[in-house]
């Protein structure tokens, strides 16, 4: 597990994503099994295949952040509650 900041610097951590989600609270959202994303890092959200969402972030990040169709409405509520 790595924590990546807005300068794209990475730090390893022994914490699980579940633990980090509890620590960071509503500021972060569990996008999928691999990623938590900070609300301030979200640049753009667009529709993706099969009613999924594609999240573009403000940092240089090689992986696509894809939200399943089952979690899409929950994510949109979270992002709008800024």
PDB file of N, CA and C in Angstrom:
ATOM      1  N   UNK A   1       0.841  -1.178   0.000  1.00  0.00           N
ATOM      2  CA  UNK A   1       0.000   0.000   0.000  1.00  0.00           C
ATOM      3  C   UNK A   1       0.884   1.239   0.000  1.00  0.00           C
ATOM      4  N   UNK A   2       0.574   2.177  -0.879  1.00  0.00           N
ATOM      5  CA  UNK A   2       1.319   3.424  -0.984  1.00  0.00           C
ATOM      6  C   UNK A   2       0.390   4.612  -0.834  1.00  0.00           C
ATOM      7  N   UNK A   3       0.923   5.659  -0.258  1.00  0.00           N
ATOM      8  CA  UNK A   3       0.226   6.940  -0.198  1.00  0.00           C
ATOM      9  C   UNK A   3       0.933   7.854  -1.194  1.00  0.00           C
ATOM     10  N   UNK A   4       0.157   8.492  -2.068  1.00  0.00           N
ATOM     11  CA  UNK A   4       0.710   9.380  -3.090  1.00  0.00           C
ATOM     12  C   UNK A   4       0.149  10.768  -2.850  1.00  0.00           C
ATOM     13  N   UNK A   5       1.042  11.779  -2.799  1.00  0.00           N
ATOM     14  CA  UNK A   5       0.570  13.140  -2.561  1.00  0.00           C
ATOM     15  C   UNK A   5       0.403  13.903  -3.876  1.00  0.00           C
ATOM     16  N   UNK A   6       0.058  15.174  -3.785  1.00  0.00           N
ATOM     17  CA  UNK A   6      -0.195  15.988  -4.978  1.00  0.00           C
ATOM     18  C   UNK A   6       1.065  16.270  -5.785  1.00  0.00           C
ATOM     19  N   UNK A   7       2.229  16.031  -5.214  1.00  0.00           N
ATOM     20  CA  UNK A   7       3.489  16.175  -5.938  1.00  0.00           C
ATOM     21  C   UNK A   7       3.947  14.851  -6.540  1.00  0.00           C
ATOM     22  N   UNK A   8       3.075  13.853  -6.503  1.00  0.00           N
ATOM     23  CA  UNK A   8       3.331  12.500  -7.008  1.00  0.00           C
ATOM     24  C   UNK A   8       4.420  11.758  -6.234  1.00  0.00           C
ATOM     25  N   UNK A   9       4.702  12.203  -5.022  1.00  0.00           N
ATOM     26  CA  UNK A   9       5.646  11.476  -4.176  1.00  0.00           C
ATOM     27  C   UNK A   9       4.910  10.328  -3.505  1.00  0.00           C
ATOM     28  N   UNK A  10       5.603   9.195  -3.361  1.00  0.00           N
ATOM     29  CA  UNK A  10       4.987   8.006  -2.783  1.00  0.00           C
ATOM     30  C   UNK A  10       5.654   7.618  -1.476  1.00  0.00           C
ATOM     31  N   UNK A  11       4.815   7.150  -0.539  1.00  0.00           N
ATOM     32  CA  UNK A  11       5.296   6.628   0.735  1.00  0.00           C
ATOM     33  C   UNK A  11       4.637   5.281   0.982  1.00  0.00           C
ATOM     34  N   UNK A  12       5.423   4.271   1.308  1.00  0.00           N
ATOM     35  CA  UNK A  12       4.809   2.985   1.662  1.00  0.00           C
ATOM     36  C   UNK A  12       4.172   3.067   3.050  1.00  0.00           C
ATOM     37  N   UNK A  13       3.132   2.274   3.267  1.00  0.00           N
ATOM     38  CA  UNK A  13       2.478   2.222   4.562  1.00  0.00           C
ATOM     39  C   UNK A  13       2.066   0.781   4.850  1.00  0.00           C
ATOM     40  N   UNK A  14       2.041   0.440   6.098  1.00  0.00           N
ATOM     41  CA  UNK A  14       1.595  -0.888   6.505  1.00  0.00           C
ATOM     42  C   UNK A  14       0.087  -0.938   6.727  1.00  0.00           C
ATOM     43  N   UNK A  15      -0.571   0.197   6.662  1.00  0.00           N
ATOM     44  CA  UNK A  15      -2.016   0.273   6.883  1.00  0.00           C
ATOM     45  C   UNK A  15      -2.767  -0.299   5.679  1.00  0.00           C
ATOM     46  N   UNK A  16      -3.889  -0.932   5.929  1.00  0.00           N
ATOM     47  CA  UNK A  16      -4.752  -1.402   4.839  1.00  0.00           C
ATOM     48  C   UNK A  16      -5.589  -0.230   4.335  1.00  0.00           C
ATOM     49  N   UNK A  17      -6.182  -0.411   3.166  1.00  0.00           N
ATOM     50  CA  UNK A  17      -7.051   0.649   2.646  1.00  0.00           C
ATOM     51  C   UNK A  17      -8.256   0.858   3.545  1.00  0.00           C
ATOM     52  N   UNK A  18      -8.766  -0.213   4.139  1.00  0.00           N
ATOM     53  CA  UNK A  18      -9.887  -0.071   5.083  1.00  0.00           C
ATOM     54  C   UNK A  18      -9.496   0.806   6.264  1.00  0.00           C
ATOM     55  N   UNK A  19      -8.304   0.583   6.807  1.00  0.00           N
ATOM     56  CA  UNK A  19      -7.828   1.402   7.935  1.00  0.00           C
ATOM     57  C   UNK A  19      -7.629   2.848   7.519  1.00  0.00           C
ATOM     58  N   UNK A  20      -7.033   3.048   6.359  1.00  0.00           N
ATOM     59  CA  UNK A  20      -6.805   4.415   5.879  1.00  0.00           C
ATOM     60  C   UNK A  20      -8.127   5.136   5.633  1.00  0.00           C
ATOM     61  N   UNK A  21      -9.106   4.417   5.125  1.00  0.00           N
ATOM     62  CA  UNK A  21     -10.411   5.032   4.888  1.00  0.00           C
ATOM     63  C   UNK A  21     -11.039   5.491   6.201  1.00  0.00           C
ATOM     64  N   UNK A  22     -10.894   4.718   7.240  1.00  0.00           N
ATOM     65  CA  UNK A  22     -11.421   5.124   8.544  1.00  0.00           C
ATOM     66  C   UNK A  22     -10.647   6.308   9.108  1.00  0.00           C
ATOM     67  N   UNK A  23      -9.343   6.325   8.917  1.00  0.00           N
ATOM     68  CA  UNK A  23      -8.514   7.418   9.426  1.00  0.00           C
ATOM     69  C   UNK A  23      -8.849   8.729   8.709  1.00  0.00           C
ATOM     70  N   UNK A  24      -8.939   8.681   7.382  1.00  0.00           N
ATOM     71  CA  UNK A  24      -9.140   9.894   6.595  1.00  0.00           C
ATOM     72  C   UNK A  24     -10.592  10.351   6.543  1.00  0.00           C
ATOM     73  N   UNK A  25     -11.521   9.476   6.792  1.00  0.00           N
ATOM     74  CA  UNK A  25     -12.936   9.853   6.842  1.00  0.00           C
ATOM     75  C   UNK A  25     -13.515  10.209   5.489  1.00  0.00           C
ATOM     76  N   UNK A  26     -14.440  11.160   5.480  1.00  0.00           N
ATOM     77  CA  UNK A  26     -15.195  11.527   4.284  1.00  0.00           C
ATOM     78  C   UNK A  26     -14.384  12.301   3.252  1.00  0.00           C
ATOM     79  N   UNK A  27     -13.158  12.676   3.584  1.00  0.00           N
ATOM     80  CA  UNK A  27     -12.310  13.386   2.632  1.00  0.00           C
ATOM     81  C   UNK A  27     -11.867  12.466   1.498  1.00  0.00           C
ATOM     82  N   UNK A  28     -11.828  11.164   1.775  1.00  0.00           N
ATOM     83  CA  UNK A  28     -11.400  10.176   0.791  1.00  0.00           C
ATOM     84  C   UNK A  28     -12.539   9.217   0.477  1.00  0.00           C
ATOM     85  N   UNK A  29     -12.518   8.694  -0.753  1.00  0.00           N
ATOM     86  CA  UNK A  29     -13.529   7.743  -1.186  1.00  0.00           C
ATOM     87  C   UNK A  29     -12.838   6.485  -1.689  1.00  0.00           C
ATOM     88  N   UNK A  30     -13.378   5.336  -1.354  1.00  0.00           N
ATOM     89  CA  UNK A  30     -12.837   4.055  -1.816  1.00  0.00           C
ATOM     90  C   UNK A  30     -13.364   3.819  -3.229  1.00  0.00           C
ATOM     91  N   UNK A  31     -12.541   4.109  -4.211  1.00  0.00           N
ATOM     92  CA  UNK A  31     -12.929   4.006  -5.612  1.00  0.00           C
ATOM     93  C   UNK A  31     -13.163   2.551  -6.006  1.00  0.00           C
ATOM     94  N   UNK A  32     -12.257   1.693  -5.579  1.00  0.00           N
ATOM     95  CA  UNK A  32     -12.361   0.263  -5.858  1.00  0.00           C
ATOM     96  C   UNK A  32     -11.470  -0.482  -4.860  1.00  0.00           C
ATOM     97  N   UNK A  33     -11.151  -1.719  -5.127  1.00  0.00           N
ATOM     98  CA  UNK A  33     -10.346  -2.498  -4.178  1.00  0.00           C
ATOM     99  C   UNK A  33      -8.919  -1.981  -4.032  1.00  0.00           C
ATOM    100  N   UNK A  34      -8.474  -1.210  -5.002  1.00  0.00           N
ATOM    101  CA  UNK A  34      -7.080  -0.779  -5.030  1.00  0.00           C
ATOM    102  C   UNK A  34      -6.832   0.652  -4.595  1.00  0.00           C
ATOM    103  N   UNK A  35      -7.829   1.521  -4.683  1.00  0.00           N
ATOM    104  CA  UNK A  35      -7.560   2.945  -4.534  1.00  0.00           C
ATOM    105  C   UNK A  35      -8.545   3.672  -3.626  1.00  0.00           C
ATOM    106  N   UNK A  36      -7.984   4.616  -2.868  1.00  0.00           N
ATOM    107  CA  UNK A  36      -8.742   5.666  -2.190  1.00  0.00           C
ATOM    108  C   UNK A  36      -8.382   6.948  -2.914  1.00  0.00           C
ATOM    109  N   UNK A  37      -9.334   7.844  -3.063  1.00  0.00           N
ATOM    110  CA  UNK A  37      -9.034   9.101  -3.736  1.00  0.00           C
ATOM    111  C   UNK A  37      -9.502  10.266  -2.869  1.00  0.00           C
ATOM    112  N   UNK A  38      -8.686  11.297  -2.815  1.00  0.00           N
ATOM    113  CA  UNK A  38      -9.006  12.521  -2.101  1.00  0.00           C
ATOM    114  C   UNK A  38      -9.949  13.353  -2.964  1.00  0.00           C
ATOM    115  N   UNK A  39     -10.935  13.943  -2.341  1.00  0.00           N
ATOM    116  CA  UNK A  39     -11.913  14.766  -3.068  1.00  0.00           C
ATOM    117  C   UNK A  39     -11.208  15.889  -3.844  1.00  0.00           C
ATOM    118  N   UNK A  40     -10.193  16.485  -3.264  1.00  0.00           N
ATOM    119  CA  UNK A  40      -9.483  17.589  -3.929  1.00  0.00           C
ATOM    120  C   UNK A  40      -8.650  17.114  -5.113  1.00  0.00           C
ATOM    121  N   UNK A  41      -8.383  15.815  -5.198  1.00  0.00           N
ATOM    122  CA  UNK A  41      -7.584  15.274  -6.294  1.00  0.00           C
ATOM    123  C   UNK A  41      -8.413  14.996  -7.542  1.00  0.00           C
ATOM    124  N   UNK A  42      -9.723  14.966  -7.411  1.00  0.00           N
ATOM    125  CA  UNK A  42     -10.591  14.648  -8.550  1.00  0.00           C
ATOM    126  C   UNK A  42     -10.664  15.852  -9.490  1.00  0.00           C
ATOM    127  N   UNK A  43     -10.209  15.648 -10.700  1.00  0.00           N
ATOM    128  CA  UNK A  43     -10.256  16.707 -11.709  1.00  0.00           C
ATOM    129  C   UNK A  43     -11.529  16.622 -12.533  1.00  0.00           C
ATOM    130  N   UNK A  44     -11.865  15.397 -12.951  1.00  0.00           N
ATOM    131  CA  UNK A  44     -13.001  15.220 -13.855  1.00  0.00           C
ATOM    132  C   UNK A  44     -13.545  13.802 -13.710  1.00  0.00           C
ATOM    133  N   UNK A  45     -14.846  13.672 -13.846  1.00  0.00           N
ATOM    134  CA  UNK A  45     -15.508  12.368 -13.830  1.00  0.00           C
ATOM    135  C   UNK A  45     -16.296  12.242 -15.119  1.00  0.00           C
ATOM    136  N   UNK A  46     -16.125  11.124 -15.805  1.00  0.00           N
ATOM    137  CA  UNK A  46     -16.861  10.920 -17.050  1.00  0.00           C
ATOM    138  C   UNK A  46     -17.453   9.522 -17.095  1.00  0.00           C
ATOM    139  N   UNK A  47     -18.425   9.351 -17.967  1.00  0.00           N
ATOM    140  CA  UNK A  47     -19.046   8.043 -18.145  1.00  0.00           C
ATOM    141  C   UNK A  47     -18.039   7.112 -18.800  1.00  0.00           C
ATOM    142  N   UNK A  48     -18.110   5.859 -18.413  1.00  0.00           N
ATOM    143  CA  UNK A  48     -17.228   4.842 -18.947  1.00  0.00           C
ATOM    144  C   UNK A  48     -18.113   3.700 -19.429  1.00  0.00           C
ATOM    145  N   UNK A  49     -17.550   2.652 -19.941  1.00  0.00           N
ATOM    146  CA  UNK A  49     -18.318   1.523 -20.462  1.00  0.00           C
ATOM    147  C   UNK A  49     -19.231   0.917 -19.405  1.00  0.00           C
ATOM    148  N   UNK A  50     -20.386   0.446 -19.852  1.00  0.00           N
ATOM    149  CA  UNK A  50     -21.336  -0.296 -19.012  1.00  0.00           C
ATOM    150  C   UNK A  50     -21.729   0.452 -17.739  1.00  0.00           C
ATOM    151  N   UNK A  51     -22.008   1.741 -17.862  1.00  0.00           N
ATOM    152  CA  UNK A  51     -22.471   2.595 -16.750  1.00  0.00           C
ATOM    153  C   UNK A  51     -21.451   2.748 -15.630  1.00  0.00           C
ATOM    154  N   UNK A  52     -20.216   2.534 -15.926  1.00  0.00           N
ATOM    155  CA  UNK A  52     -19.143   2.771 -14.953  1.00  0.00           C
ATOM    156  C   UNK A  52     -18.700   4.218 -15.087  1.00  0.00           C
ATOM    157  N   UNK A  53     -17.883   4.674 -14.134  1.00  0.00           N
ATOM    158  CA  UNK A  53     -17.344   6.034 -14.183  1.00  0.00           C
ATOM    159  C   UNK A  53     -15.824   5.981 -14.253  1.00  0.00           C
ATOM    160  N   UNK A  54     -15.257   6.912 -14.987  1.00  0.00           N
ATOM    161  CA  UNK A  54     -13.815   7.069 -15.070  1.00  0.00           C
ATOM    162  C   UNK A  54     -13.444   8.359 -14.349  1.00  0.00           C
ATOM    163  N   UNK A  55     -12.549   8.260 -13.379  1.00  0.00           N
ATOM    164  CA  UNK A  55     -12.149   9.416 -12.579  1.00  0.00           C
ATOM    165  C   UNK A  55     -10.759   9.858 -13.013  1.00  0.00           C
ATOM    166  N   UNK A  56     -10.645  11.121 -13.417  1.00  0.00           N
ATOM    167  CA  UNK A  56      -9.344  11.710 -13.732  1.00  0.00           C
ATOM    168  C   UNK A  56      -8.889  12.500 -12.516  1.00  0.00           C
ATOM    169  N   UNK A  57      -7.635  12.312 -12.129  1.00  0.00           N
ATOM    170  CA  UNK A  57      -7.107  12.994 -10.953  1.00  0.00           C
ATOM    171  C   UNK A  57      -6.079  14.042 -11.346  1.00  0.00           C
ATOM    172  N   UNK A  58      -5.791  14.925 -10.421  1.00  0.00           N
ATOM    173  CA  UNK A  58      -4.897  16.060 -10.662  1.00  0.00           C
ATOM    174  C   UNK A  58      -3.415  15.704 -10.624  1.00  0.00           C
ATOM    175  N   UNK A  59      -3.095  14.500 -10.253  1.00  0.00           N
ATOM    176  CA  UNK A  59      -1.694  14.091 -10.214  1.00  0.00           C
ATOM    177  C   UNK A  59      -1.399  13.187 -11.398  1.00  0.00           C
ATOM    178  N   UNK A  60      -0.134  13.084 -11.752  1.00  0.00           N
ATOM    179  CA  UNK A  60       0.278  12.200 -12.824  1.00  0.00           C
ATOM    180  C   UNK A  60       0.206  10.771 -12.298  1.00  0.00           C
ATOM    181  N   UNK A  61      -0.772  10.022 -12.792  1.00  0.00           N
ATOM    182  CA  UNK A  61      -1.018   8.689 -12.263  1.00  0.00           C
ATOM    183  C   UNK A  61      -1.266   7.750 -13.435  1.00  0.00           C
ATOM    184  N   UNK A  62      -0.519   6.667 -13.532  1.00  0.00           N
ATOM    185  CA  UNK A  62      -0.601   5.814 -14.727  1.00  0.00           C
ATOM    186  C   UNK A  62      -1.859   4.948 -14.827  1.00  0.00           C
ATOM    187  N   UNK A  63      -2.481   4.604 -13.716  1.00  0.00           N
ATOM    188  CA  UNK A  63      -3.630   3.702 -13.728  1.00  0.00           C
ATOM    189  C   UNK A  63      -4.936   4.466 -13.935  1.00  0.00           C
ATOM    190  N   UNK A  64      -5.904   3.785 -14.548  1.00  0.00           N
ATOM    191  CA  UNK A  64      -7.245   4.349 -14.675  1.00  0.00           C
ATOM    192  C   UNK A  64      -7.998   4.075 -13.386  1.00  0.00           C
ATOM    193  N   UNK A  65      -8.668   5.070 -12.873  1.00  0.00           N
ATOM    194  CA  UNK A  65      -9.506   4.910 -11.695  1.00  0.00           C
ATOM    195  C   UNK A  65     -10.937   4.723 -12.171  1.00  0.00           C
ATOM    196  N   UNK A  66     -11.413   3.496 -12.098  1.00  0.00           N
ATOM    197  CA  UNK A  66     -12.727   3.160 -12.607  1.00  0.00           C
ATOM    198  C   UNK A  66     -13.636   2.771 -11.447  1.00  0.00           C
ATOM    199  N   UNK A  67     -14.814   3.356 -11.449  1.00  0.00           N
ATOM    200  CA  UNK A  67     -15.810   3.071 -10.421  1.00  0.00           C
ATOM    201  C   UNK A  67     -16.887   2.190 -11.033  1.00  0.00           C
ATOM    202  N   UNK A  68     -17.206   1.118 -10.350  1.00  0.00           N
ATOM    203  CA  UNK A  68     -18.195   0.171 -10.859  1.00  0.00           C
ATOM    204  C   UNK A  68     -19.571   0.819 -10.943  1.00  0.00           C
ATOM    205  N   UNK A  69     -20.433   0.233 -11.755  1.00  0.00           N
ATOM    206  CA  UNK A  69     -21.786   0.773 -11.880  1.00  0.00           C
ATOM    207  C   UNK A  69     -22.543   0.659 -10.563  1.00  0.00           C
ATOM    208  N   UNK A  70     -22.205  -0.327  -9.739  1.00  0.00           N
ATOM    209  CA  UNK A  70     -22.866  -0.486  -8.444  1.00  0.00           C
ATOM    210  C   UNK A  70     -22.517   0.642  -7.477  1.00  0.00           C
ATOM    211  N   UNK A  71     -21.321   1.223  -7.620  1.00  0.00           N
ATOM    212  CA  UNK A  71     -20.882   2.287  -6.714  1.00  0.00           C
ATOM    213  C   UNK A  71     -20.981   3.677  -7.332  1.00  0.00           C
ATOM    214  N   UNK A  72     -21.354   3.763  -8.591  1.00  0.00           N
ATOM    215  CA  UNK A  72     -21.341   5.037  -9.311  1.00  0.00           C
ATOM    216  C   UNK A  72     -22.241   6.086  -8.675  1.00  0.00           C
ATOM    217  N   UNK A  73     -23.465   5.747  -8.319  1.00  0.00           N
ATOM    218  CA  UNK A  73     -24.365   6.747  -7.744  1.00  0.00           C
ATOM    219  C   UNK A  73     -23.876   7.202  -6.373  1.00  0.00           C
ATOM    220  N   UNK A  74     -23.324   6.291  -5.578  1.00  0.00           N
ATOM    221  CA  UNK A  74     -22.767   6.655  -4.276  1.00  0.00           C
ATOM    222  C   UNK A  74     -21.589   7.612  -4.436  1.00  0.00           C
ATOM    223  N   UNK A  75     -20.730   7.335  -5.409  1.00  0.00           N
ATOM    224  CA  UNK A  75     -19.589   8.221  -5.667  1.00  0.00           C
ATOM    225  C   UNK A  75     -20.067   9.611  -6.082  1.00  0.00           C
ATOM    226  N   UNK A  76     -21.057   9.670  -6.965  1.00  0.00           N
ATOM    227  CA  UNK A  76     -21.549  10.970  -7.420  1.00  0.00           C
ATOM    228  C   UNK A  76     -22.161  11.770  -6.277  1.00  0.00           C
ATOM    229  N   UNK A  77     -22.858  11.110  -5.370  1.00  0.00           N
ATOM    230  CA  UNK A  77     -23.374  11.795  -4.174  1.00  0.00           C
ATOM    231  C   UNK A  77     -22.226  12.327  -3.330  1.00  0.00           C
ATOM    232  N   UNK A  78     -21.178  11.517  -3.162  1.00  0.00           N
ATOM    233  CA  UNK A  78     -20.018  11.918  -2.368  1.00  0.00           C
ATOM    234  C   UNK A  78     -19.318  13.132  -3.006  1.00  0.00           C
ATOM    235  N   UNK A  79     -19.105  13.099  -4.299  1.00  0.00           N
ATOM    236  CA  UNK A  79     -18.378  14.179  -4.963  1.00  0.00           C
ATOM    237  C   UNK A  79     -19.194  15.468  -4.968  1.00  0.00           C
ATOM    238  N   UNK A  80     -20.512  15.374  -5.016  1.00  0.00           N
ATOM    239  CA  UNK A  80     -21.368  16.565  -5.024  1.00  0.00           C
ATOM    240  C   UNK A  80     -21.533  17.173  -3.635  1.00  0.00           C
ATOM    241  N   UNK A  81     -21.206  16.412  -2.600  1.00  0.00           N
ATOM    242  CA  UNK A  81     -21.393  16.901  -1.231  1.00  0.00           C
ATOM    243  C   UNK A  81     -20.234  17.765  -0.742  1.00  0.00           C
ATOM    244  N   UNK A  82     -19.461  18.283  -1.661  1.00  0.00           N
ATOM    245  CA  UNK A  82     -18.300  19.099  -1.293  1.00  0.00           C
ATOM    246  C   UNK A  82     -18.736  20.253  -0.489  1.00  0.00           C
TER     247      UNK A  82
END
